[in-house]
C-alpha atoms as a PDB file:
ATOM      1  CA  UNK A   1      73.141  81.944  82.350  1.00  0.00           C
ATOM      2  CA  UNK A   2      70.903  83.631  79.802  1.00  0.00           C
ATOM      3  CA  UNK A   3      68.654  86.159  81.560  1.00  0.00           C
ATOM      4  CA  UNK A   4      66.726  87.032  78.420  1.00  0.00           C
ATOM      5  CA  UNK A   5      62.983  86.682  78.949  1.00  0.00           C
ATOM      6  CA  UNK A   6      61.461  83.994  76.752  1.00  0.00           C
ATOM      7  CA  UNK A   7      57.801  83.818  75.764  1.00  0.00           C
ATOM      8  CA  UNK A   8      55.692  81.088  77.342  1.00  0.00           C
ATOM      9  CA  UNK A   9      54.195  80.197  73.972  1.00  0.00           C
ATOM     10  CA  UNK A  10      54.748  80.979  70.306  1.00  0.00           C
ATOM     11  CA  UNK A  11      52.740  80.229  67.169  1.00  0.00           C
ATOM     12  CA  UNK A  12      53.510  76.720  65.990  1.00  0.00           C
ATOM     13  CA  UNK A  13      53.663  75.593  62.372  1.00  0.00           C
ATOM     14  CA  UNK A  14      49.873  75.171  62.432  1.00  0.00           C
ATOM     15  CA  UNK A  15      49.519  78.717  63.900  1.00  0.00           C
ATOM     16  CA  UNK A  16      48.225  77.319  67.222  1.00  0.00           C
ATOM     17  CA  UNK A  17      50.050  78.311  70.432  1.00  0.00           C
ATOM     18  CA  UNK A  18      52.987  76.046  71.183  1.00  0.00           C
ATOM     19  CA  UNK A  19      54.866  75.750  74.493  1.00  0.00           C
ATOM     20  CA  UNK A  20      58.065  73.941  75.448  1.00  0.00           C
ATOM     21  CA  UNK A  21      55.982  70.946  76.509  1.00  0.00           C
ATOM     22  CA  UNK A  22      54.634  70.684  72.938  1.00  0.00           C
ATOM     23  CA  UNK A  23      58.121  70.207  71.498  1.00  0.00           C
ATOM     24  CA  UNK A  24      59.437  66.745  70.642  1.00  0.00           C
ATOM     25  CA  UNK A  25      61.302  64.985  73.454  1.00  0.00           C
ATOM     26  CA  UNK A  26      65.076  65.477  73.523  1.00  0.00           C
ATOM     27  CA  UNK A  27      65.547  61.745  72.921  1.00  0.00           C
ATOM     28  CA  UNK A  28      63.781  61.846  69.532  1.00  0.00           C
ATOM     29  CA  UNK A  29      65.453  59.702  66.898  1.00  0.00           C
ATOM     30  CA  UNK A  30      62.908  59.784  64.068  1.00  0.00           C
ATOM     31  CA  UNK A  31      62.453  63.238  62.563  1.00  0.00           C
ATOM     32  CA  UNK A  32      59.192  63.699  60.706  1.00  0.00           C
ATOM     33  CA  UNK A  33      58.176  66.919  58.988  1.00  0.00           C
ATOM     34  CA  UNK A  34      55.922  68.085  61.830  1.00  0.00           C
ATOM     35  CA  UNK A  35      58.636  67.715  64.478  1.00  0.00           C
ATOM     36  CA  UNK A  36      61.225  69.575  62.407  1.00  0.00           C
ATOM     37  CA  UNK A  37      58.730  72.388  61.807  1.00  0.00           C
ATOM     38  CA  UNK A  38      57.965  72.597  65.539  1.00  0.00           C
ATOM     39  CA  UNK A  39      61.641  73.054  66.396  1.00  0.00           C
ATOM     40  CA  UNK A  40      62.185  75.675  63.672  1.00  0.00           C
ATOM     41  CA  UNK A  41      59.047  77.577  64.757  1.00  0.00           C
ATOM     42  CA  UNK A  42      60.121  77.427  68.413  1.00  0.00           C
ATOM     43  CA  UNK A  43      63.485  78.984  67.583  1.00  0.00           C
ATOM     44  CA  UNK A  44      61.957  81.584  65.243  1.00  0.00           C
ATOM     45  CA  UNK A  45      59.462  82.609  67.931  1.00  0.00           C
ATOM     46  CA  UNK A  46      62.072  82.800  70.691  1.00  0.00           C
ATOM     47  CA  UNK A  47      60.727  79.889  72.713  1.00  0.00           C
ATOM     48  CA  UNK A  48      64.093  78.189  72.404  1.00  0.00           C
ATOM     49  CA  UNK A  49      67.459  79.570  71.327  1.00  0.00           C
ATOM     50  CA  UNK A  50      69.129  78.119  68.278  1.00  0.00           C
ATOM     51  CA  UNK A  51      72.025  76.851  70.405  1.00  0.00           C
ATOM     52  CA  UNK A  52      69.633  75.272  72.905  1.00  0.00           C
ATOM     53  CA  UNK A  53      67.724  73.546  70.102  1.00  0.00           C
ATOM     54  CA  UNK A  54      70.904  72.203  68.508  1.00  0.00           C
ATOM     55  CA  UNK A  55      72.170  70.984  71.865  1.00  0.00           C
ATOM     56  CA  UNK A  56      68.838  69.512  72.970  1.00  0.00           C
ATOM     57  CA  UNK A  57      68.309  67.618  69.716  1.00  0.00           C
ATOM     58  CA  UNK A  58      71.965  66.930  68.883  1.00  0.00           C
ATOM     59  CA  UNK A  59      71.738  68.879  65.612  1.00  0.00           C
ATOM     60  CA  UNK A  60      74.640  70.406  63.735  1.00  0.00           C
ATOM     61  CA  UNK A  61      74.544  74.047  62.679  1.00  0.00           C
ATOM     62  CA  UNK A  62      74.400  72.905  59.063  1.00  0.00           C
ATOM     63  CA  UNK A  63      71.444  70.620  59.740  1.00  0.00           C
ATOM     64  CA  UNK A  64      69.479  73.351  61.501  1.00  0.00           C
ATOM     65  CA  UNK A  65      70.407  75.863  58.763  1.00  0.00           C
ATOM     66  CA  UNK A  66      68.993  73.466  56.168  1.00  0.00           C
ATOM     67  CA  UNK A  67      65.746  73.000  58.099  1.00  0.00           C
ATOM     68  CA  UNK A  68      65.379  76.726  58.670  1.00  0.00           C
ATOM     69  CA  UNK A  69      66.039  77.600  55.036  1.00  0.00           C
ATOM     70  CA  UNK A  70      63.716  74.964  53.624  1.00  0.00           C
ATOM     71  CA  UNK A  71      60.982  75.902  56.085  1.00  0.00           C
ATOM     72  CA  UNK A  72      61.241  79.612  55.278  1.00  0.00           C
ATOM     73  CA  UNK A  73      61.166  79.005  51.514  1.00  0.00           C
ATOM     74  CA  UNK A  74      58.726  76.095  51.247  1.00  0.00           C
ATOM     75  CA  UNK A  75      56.915  75.765  54.587  1.00  0.00           C
ATOM     76  CA  UNK A  76      56.489  72.419  56.309  1.00  0.00           C
ATOM     77  CA  UNK A  77      56.403  70.582  52.981  1.00  0.00           C
ATOM     78  CA  UNK A  78      59.993  71.634  52.359  1.00  0.00           C
ATOM     79  CA  UNK A  79      61.095  69.581  55.369  1.00  0.00           C
ATOM     80  CA  UNK A  80      60.014  66.286  53.826  1.00  0.00           C
ATOM     81  CA  UNK A  81      63.110  64.208  53.223  1.00  0.00           C
ATOM     82  CA  UNK A  82      61.569  62.808  50.043  1.00  0.00           C
ATOM     83  CA  UNK A  83      61.337  66.355  48.654  1.00  0.00           C
ATOM     84  CA  UNK A  84      64.898  67.478  49.396  1.00  0.00           C
ATOM     85  CA  UNK A  85      66.211  66.710  45.921  1.00  0.00           C
ATOM     86  CA  UNK A  86      63.392  68.656  44.303  1.00  0.00           C
ATOM     87  CA  UNK A  87      63.886  71.730  46.517  1.00  0.00           C
ATOM     88  CA  UNK A  88      67.673  71.750  46.212  1.00  0.00           C
ATOM     89  CA  UNK A  89      67.561  72.124  42.421  1.00  0.00           C
END
């Protein structure tokens, strides 16, 4: 068991406080930009560990790496699936 203290809230992608209850449900099947950004921000802020996020949302390490990289370089707009080709060039 991980005994590391976790914050109760972290700044979300819109800079407003975000808690675990604000995250998408674990059963999510349609990933829109906002939901991806929420998960990346939750991990970056320490609300959720990377492993917990990948397990909860059934994400691969590669998938999360891509989200994290695009979000850090381009913000929420980088997480749009229609923009992936443009950002990968």
